[in-house]
Amino acid sequence: MERTPEGTPVGVDDPYEVAGPCDHLTSDGRCRYALERAGHDPEFAEERRRADYECVVADDGVEWRDCPHYRSTARESACQRCGLEEVRLAHESARPLLETHHLSYHDRGTSHEITVTLCRWCHAKVHNSFARIDDDASPTTEALAAREERRSKEQAELGFSSARERAESSNAPSGDETDR
């Protein structure tokens, strides 16, 4: 299994098997890296320009790992391993339920960034044991409880009460005052 520089497992044998398309790939199959960052790698940009900026992977037999500028970073809003969905509250600084998990550190002299989205609980399992990203897993009870707690807060925030109702509830006498 692939490992971090510290020696902990990342949960896959080959990061490219679970990686998505390149972040630089445009909807029409062109290489955004060559279009927007030509000065960073002029030779690569010139090669792509001669091919009308077509993505390297469009060539037969070329894989993502063969492109020097390949990058696939997570954008999912659910854990790739157990499916737990993120619930974020706008005005709270609570730790997110989902985290970015790096699958690739250095491969064949290139440092392709390959990340996936994992919940905190799956992330810990992958790094602290032999858990794999492609395991058939369900969210832990702790993860479900944390998500439901956030959903309850979210629902409370979405609830509507008029200004009159809020004023009446804040001005309502307490039980001691009504007995006098």
C-alpha atoms as a PDB file:
ATOM      1  CA  MET A   1       0.000   0.000   0.000  1.00  0.00           C
ATOM      2  CA  GLU A   2       1.195   3.529  -0.784  1.00  0.00           C
ATOM      3  CA  ARG A   3       2.535   5.348   2.293  1.00  0.00           C
ATOM      4  CA  THR A   4       3.137   8.911   3.479  1.00  0.00           C
ATOM      5  CA  PRO A   5       6.693  10.140   4.061  1.00  0.00           C
ATOM      6  CA  GLU A   6       6.092   9.310   7.753  1.00  0.00           C
ATOM      7  CA  GLY A   7       5.249   5.720   6.813  1.00  0.00           C
ATOM      8  CA  THR A   8       1.499   5.714   7.500  1.00  0.00           C
ATOM      9  CA  PRO A   9      -0.733   4.086   4.878  1.00  0.00           C
ATOM     10  CA  VAL A  10      -2.812   6.222   2.513  1.00  0.00           C
ATOM     11  CA  GLY A  11      -5.429   3.556   1.783  1.00  0.00           C
ATOM     12  CA  VAL A  12      -4.612   2.685  -1.841  1.00  0.00           C
ATOM     13  CA  ASP A  13      -2.037   0.719  -3.785  1.00  0.00           C
ATOM     14  CA  ASP A  14      -2.118   3.074  -6.779  1.00  0.00           C
ATOM     15  CA  PRO A  15      -3.367   6.656  -6.296  1.00  0.00           C
ATOM     16  CA  TYR A  16      -4.104   6.996 -10.014  1.00  0.00           C
ATOM     17  CA  GLU A  17      -6.736   4.249  -9.810  1.00  0.00           C
ATOM     18  CA  VAL A  18      -8.974   6.401  -7.601  1.00  0.00           C
ATOM     19  CA  ALA A  19      -7.924   9.810  -8.919  1.00  0.00           C
ATOM     20  CA  GLY A  20     -10.292  11.870 -10.966  1.00  0.00           C
ATOM     21  CA  PRO A  21      -9.663  13.865 -14.111  1.00  0.00           C
ATOM     22  CA  CYS A  22      -7.008  16.554 -14.051  1.00  0.00           C
ATOM     23  CA  ASP A  23      -7.978  19.861 -12.448  1.00  0.00           C
ATOM     24  CA  HIS A  24      -6.465  21.611 -15.494  1.00  0.00           C
ATOM     25  CA  LEU A  25      -8.711  19.804 -17.992  1.00  0.00           C
ATOM     26  CA  THR A  26     -11.284  22.112 -19.573  1.00  0.00           C
ATOM     27  CA  SER A  27     -14.745  20.995 -20.643  1.00  0.00           C
ATOM     28  CA  ASP A  28     -13.614  20.958 -24.268  1.00  0.00           C
ATOM     29  CA  GLY A  29     -10.582  18.699 -23.590  1.00  0.00           C
ATOM     30  CA  ARG A  30      -7.912  21.380 -23.545  1.00  0.00           C
ATOM     31  CA  CYS A  31      -5.103  21.908 -21.029  1.00  0.00           C
ATOM     32  CA  ARG A  32      -5.790  24.954 -18.851  1.00  0.00           C
ATOM     33  CA  TYR A  33      -2.264  24.742 -17.393  1.00  0.00           C
ATOM     34  CA  ALA A  34      -0.685  25.325 -20.811  1.00  0.00           C
ATOM     35  CA  LEU A  35      -3.177  28.092 -21.598  1.00  0.00           C
ATOM     36  CA  GLU A  36      -2.839  30.039 -18.346  1.00  0.00           C
ATOM     37  CA  ARG A  37       0.648  29.208 -17.048  1.00  0.00           C
ATOM     38  CA  ALA A  38       2.800  29.032 -20.140  1.00  0.00           C
ATOM     39  CA  GLY A  39       5.638  30.856 -18.370  1.00  0.00           C
ATOM     40  CA  HIS A  40       5.936  28.130 -15.718  1.00  0.00           C
ATOM     41  CA  ASP A  41       6.874  25.451 -18.249  1.00  0.00           C
ATOM     42  CA  PRO A  42       7.467  27.034 -21.678  1.00  0.00           C
ATOM     43  CA  GLU A  43       8.433  23.754 -23.378  1.00  0.00           C
ATOM     44  CA  PHE A  44       5.264  22.009 -22.207  1.00  0.00           C
ATOM     45  CA  ALA A  45       3.128  25.005 -23.175  1.00  0.00           C
ATOM     46  CA  GLU A  46       4.694  25.149 -26.649  1.00  0.00           C
ATOM     47  CA  GLU A  47       4.103  21.421 -27.164  1.00  0.00           C
ATOM     48  CA  ARG A  48       0.441  21.836 -26.139  1.00  0.00           C
ATOM     49  CA  ARG A  49       0.104  24.959 -28.339  1.00  0.00           C
ATOM     50  CA  ARG A  50       1.271  22.940 -31.362  1.00  0.00           C
ATOM     51  CA  ALA A  51      -1.452  20.393 -30.489  1.00  0.00           C
ATOM     52  CA  ASP A  52      -4.073  23.167 -30.187  1.00  0.00           C
ATOM     53  CA  TYR A  53      -3.769  22.902 -26.372  1.00  0.00           C
ATOM     54  CA  GLU A  54      -5.307  19.425 -26.408  1.00  0.00           C
ATOM     55  CA  CYS A  55      -4.802  17.550 -23.112  1.00  0.00           C
ATOM     56  CA  VAL A  56      -1.822  15.174 -23.091  1.00  0.00           C
ATOM     57  CA  VAL A  57      -4.112  12.281 -22.112  1.00  0.00           C
ATOM     58  CA  ALA A  58      -6.014  12.669 -25.372  1.00  0.00           C
ATOM     59  CA  ASP A  59      -3.081  10.908 -27.070  1.00  0.00           C
ATOM     60  CA  ASP A  60      -3.501   7.139 -27.291  1.00  0.00           C
ATOM     61  CA  GLY A  61      -1.627   5.254 -24.595  1.00  0.00           C
ATOM     62  CA  VAL A  62      -0.979   8.303 -22.430  1.00  0.00           C
ATOM     63  CA  GLU A  63      -2.226   8.180 -18.827  1.00  0.00           C
ATOM     64  CA  TRP A  64      -2.663  10.858 -16.190  1.00  0.00           C
ATOM     65  CA  ARG A  65       0.567   9.793 -14.504  1.00  0.00           C
ATOM     66  CA  ASP A  66       2.445  10.662 -17.723  1.00  0.00           C
ATOM     67  CA  CYS A  67       1.519  14.344 -17.648  1.00  0.00           C
ATOM     68  CA  PRO A  68       4.051  16.455 -15.719  1.00  0.00           C
ATOM     69  CA  HIS A  69       1.347  18.863 -14.538  1.00  0.00           C
ATOM     70  CA  TYR A  70      -1.422  16.441 -13.609  1.00  0.00           C
ATOM     71  CA  ARG A  71      -3.335  17.381 -10.463  1.00  0.00           C
ATOM     72  CA  SER A  72      -6.570  15.934  -9.097  1.00  0.00           C
ATOM     73  CA  THR A  73      -7.831  17.595  -5.948  1.00  0.00           C
ATOM     74  CA  ALA A  74     -10.969  16.665  -4.059  1.00  0.00           C
ATOM     75  CA  ARG A  75     -14.157  18.678  -4.505  1.00  0.00           C
ATOM     76  CA  GLU A  76     -16.705  16.208  -3.164  1.00  0.00           C
ATOM     77  CA  SER A  77     -19.114  17.072  -0.369  1.00  0.00           C
ATOM     78  CA  ALA A  78     -19.288  13.485   0.920  1.00  0.00           C
ATOM     79  CA  CYS A  79     -16.734  10.995   2.233  1.00  0.00           C
ATOM     80  CA  GLN A  80     -15.451   8.805  -0.597  1.00  0.00           C
ATOM     81  CA  ARG A  81     -15.183   5.820   1.772  1.00  0.00           C
ATOM     82  CA  CYS A  82     -18.403   5.849   3.840  1.00  0.00           C
ATOM     83  CA  GLY A  83     -20.573   8.475   2.128  1.00  0.00           C
ATOM     84  CA  LEU A  84     -20.992  10.806   5.136  1.00  0.00           C
ATOM     85  CA  GLU A  85     -22.141  14.206   3.865  1.00  0.00           C
ATOM     86  CA  GLU A  86     -20.735  17.492   5.103  1.00  0.00           C
ATOM     87  CA  VAL A  87     -22.924  19.885   7.080  1.00  0.00           C
ATOM     88  CA  ARG A  88     -21.281  23.248   7.672  1.00  0.00           C
ATOM     89  CA  LEU A  89     -22.750  26.022   9.719  1.00  0.00           C
ATOM     90  CA  ALA A  90     -22.021  29.485   8.385  1.00  0.00           C
ATOM     91  CA  HIS A  91     -21.104  31.251  11.604  1.00  0.00           C
ATOM     92  CA  GLU A  92     -19.386  28.457  13.507  1.00  0.00           C
ATOM     93  CA  SER A  93     -15.734  27.594  13.465  1.00  0.00           C
ATOM     94  CA  ALA A  94     -16.322  23.942  14.338  1.00  0.00           C
ATOM     95  CA  ARG A  95     -13.976  21.430  12.784  1.00  0.00           C
ATOM     96  CA  PRO A  96     -15.351  20.223   9.426  1.00  0.00           C
ATOM     97  CA  LEU A  97     -16.742  16.694   9.186  1.00  0.00           C
ATOM     98  CA  LEU A  98     -14.826  16.156   5.928  1.00  0.00           C
ATOM     99  CA  GLU A  99     -11.112  16.504   5.285  1.00  0.00           C
ATOM    100  CA  THR A 100      -8.818  16.377   2.283  1.00  0.00           C
ATOM    101  CA  HIS A 101      -6.781  13.180   2.206  1.00  0.00           C
ATOM    102  CA  HIS A 102      -3.574  13.057   0.166  1.00  0.00           C
ATOM    103  CA  LEU A 103      -2.989   9.879  -1.823  1.00  0.00           C
ATOM    104  CA  SER A 104       0.201  10.822  -3.595  1.00  0.00           C
ATOM    105  CA  TYR A 105       3.420  12.199  -2.266  1.00  0.00           C
ATOM    106  CA  HIS A 106       6.112  11.584  -4.928  1.00  0.00           C
ATOM    107  CA  ASP A 107       5.759   9.314  -7.892  1.00  0.00           C
ATOM    108  CA  ARG A 108       8.563   8.714 -10.397  1.00  0.00           C
ATOM    109  CA  GLY A 109      10.253  11.984  -9.582  1.00  0.00           C
ATOM    110  CA  THR A 110       7.068  14.020 -10.071  1.00  0.00           C
ATOM    111  CA  SER A 111       4.961  15.351  -7.285  1.00  0.00           C
ATOM    112  CA  HIS A 112       1.425  15.010  -8.604  1.00  0.00           C
ATOM    113  CA  GLU A 113      -1.131  16.227  -6.119  1.00  0.00           C
ATOM    114  CA  ILE A 114      -3.883  13.649  -5.783  1.00  0.00           C
ATOM    115  CA  THR A 115      -6.454  14.083  -3.040  1.00  0.00           C
ATOM    116  CA  VAL A 116      -9.838  12.648  -2.099  1.00  0.00           C
ATOM    117  CA  THR A 117     -12.443  13.652   0.455  1.00  0.00           C
ATOM    118  CA  LEU A 118     -12.741  11.559   3.621  1.00  0.00           C
ATOM    119  CA  CYS A 119     -14.647  12.165   6.847  1.00  0.00           C
ATOM    120  CA  ARG A 120     -12.487  12.668   9.939  1.00  0.00           C
ATOM    121  CA  TRP A 121     -13.278   9.177  11.171  1.00  0.00           C
ATOM    122  CA  CYS A 122     -12.392   7.368   7.915  1.00  0.00           C
ATOM    123  CA  HIS A 123      -9.303   9.568   7.558  1.00  0.00           C
ATOM    124  CA  ALA A 124      -8.068   8.387  10.959  1.00  0.00           C
ATOM    125  CA  LYS A 125      -8.842   4.750  10.141  1.00  0.00           C
ATOM    126  CA  VAL A 126      -6.929   4.914   6.872  1.00  0.00           C
ATOM    127  CA  HIS A 127      -3.844   6.465   8.476  1.00  0.00           C
ATOM    128  CA  ASN A 128      -3.909   4.424  11.681  1.00  0.00           C
ATOM    129  CA  SER A 129      -4.666   0.961  10.295  1.00  0.00           C
ATOM    130  CA  PHE A 130      -4.947  -1.026   7.120  1.00  0.00           C
ATOM    131  CA  ALA A 131      -8.320   0.489   6.177  1.00  0.00           C
ATOM    132  CA  ARG A 132      -8.630   1.158   2.478  1.00  0.00           C
ATOM    133  CA  ILE A 133     -10.451   3.939   0.671  1.00  0.00           C
ATOM    134  CA  ASP A 134     -12.384   1.447  -1.430  1.00  0.00           C
ATOM    135  CA  ASP A 135     -13.620  -0.556   1.590  1.00  0.00           C
ATOM    136  CA  ASP A 136     -17.367  -1.079   1.826  1.00  0.00           C
ATOM    137  CA  ALA A 137     -17.811   1.152   4.881  1.00  0.00           C
ATOM    138  CA  SER A 138     -20.626   2.921   6.679  1.00  0.00           C
ATOM    139  CA  PRO A 139     -20.343   6.098   8.766  1.00  0.00           C
ATOM    140  CA  THR A 140     -19.472   5.479  12.415  1.00  0.00           C
ATOM    141  CA  THR A 141     -22.012   6.262  15.124  1.00  0.00           C
ATOM    142  CA  GLU A 142     -19.835   9.219  16.217  1.00  0.00           C
ATOM    143  CA  ALA A 143     -19.822  10.594  12.676  1.00  0.00           C
ATOM    144  CA  LEU A 144     -23.592  10.230  12.332  1.00  0.00           C
ATOM    145  CA  ALA A 145     -24.147  11.892  15.712  1.00  0.00           C
ATOM    146  CA  ALA A 146     -21.920  14.846  14.765  1.00  0.00           C
ATOM    147  CA  ARG A 147     -23.722  15.261  11.434  1.00  0.00           C
ATOM    148  CA  GLU A 148     -27.186  15.088  13.046  1.00  0.00           C
ATOM    149  CA  GLU A 149     -26.190  17.605  15.711  1.00  0.00           C
ATOM    150  CA  ARG A 150     -25.192  20.016  12.962  1.00  0.00           C
ATOM    151  CA  ARG A 151     -28.364  19.334  10.994  1.00  0.00           C
ATOM    152  CA  SER A 152     -30.444  20.145  14.096  1.00  0.00           C
ATOM    153  CA  LYS A 153     -28.610  23.456  14.496  1.00  0.00           C
ATOM    154  CA  GLU A 154     -29.059  24.142  10.794  1.00  0.00           C
ATOM    155  CA  GLN A 155     -32.808  23.488  11.016  1.00  0.00           C
ATOM    156  CA  ALA A 156     -33.061  25.762  14.063  1.00  0.00           C
ATOM    157  CA  GLU A 157     -31.309  28.529  12.125  1.00  0.00           C
ATOM    158  CA  LEU A 158     -33.682  28.077   9.195  1.00  0.00           C
ATOM    159  CA  GLY A 159     -36.762  28.277  11.399  1.00  0.00           C
ATOM    160  CA  PHE A 160     -38.722  31.500  11.045  1.00  0.00           C
ATOM    161  CA  SER A 161     -40.191  33.542  13.812  1.00  0.00           C
ATOM    162  CA  SER A 162     -41.488  37.052  13.342  1.00  0.00           C
ATOM    163  CA  ALA A 163     -40.022  40.008  15.195  1.00  0.00           C
ATOM    164  CA  ARG A 164     -43.235  40.165  17.227  1.00  0.00           C
ATOM    165  CA  GLU A 165     -42.889  36.513  18.296  1.00  0.00           C
ATOM    166  CA  ARG A 166     -39.246  37.040  19.282  1.00  0.00           C
ATOM    167  CA  ALA A 167     -40.121  40.176  21.248  1.00  0.00           C
ATOM    168  CA  GLU A 168     -42.996  38.437  23.003  1.00  0.00           C
ATOM    169  CA  SER A 169     -40.851  35.465  23.983  1.00  0.00           C
ATOM    170  CA  SER A 170     -38.058  37.693  25.309  1.00  0.00           C
ATOM    171  CA  ASN A 171     -40.533  39.875  27.267  1.00  0.00           C
ATOM    172  CA  ALA A 172     -42.569  36.993  28.659  1.00  0.00           C
ATOM    173  CA  PRO A 173     -42.644  37.032  32.444  1.00  0.00           C
ATOM    174  CA  SER A 174     -40.932  34.198  34.228  1.00  0.00           C
ATOM    175  CA  GLY A 175     -42.970  31.889  36.448  1.00  0.00           C
ATOM    176  CA  ASP A 176     -41.977  33.822  39.607  1.00  0.00           C
ATOM    177  CA  GLU A 177     -43.282  37.140  38.342  1.00  0.00           C
ATOM    178  CA  THR A 178     -46.746  35.850  37.454  1.00  0.00           C
ATOM    179  CA  ASP A 179     -47.367  34.634  40.997  1.00  0.00           C
ATOM    180  CA  ARG A 180     -47.027  38.082  42.550  1.00  0.00           C
END
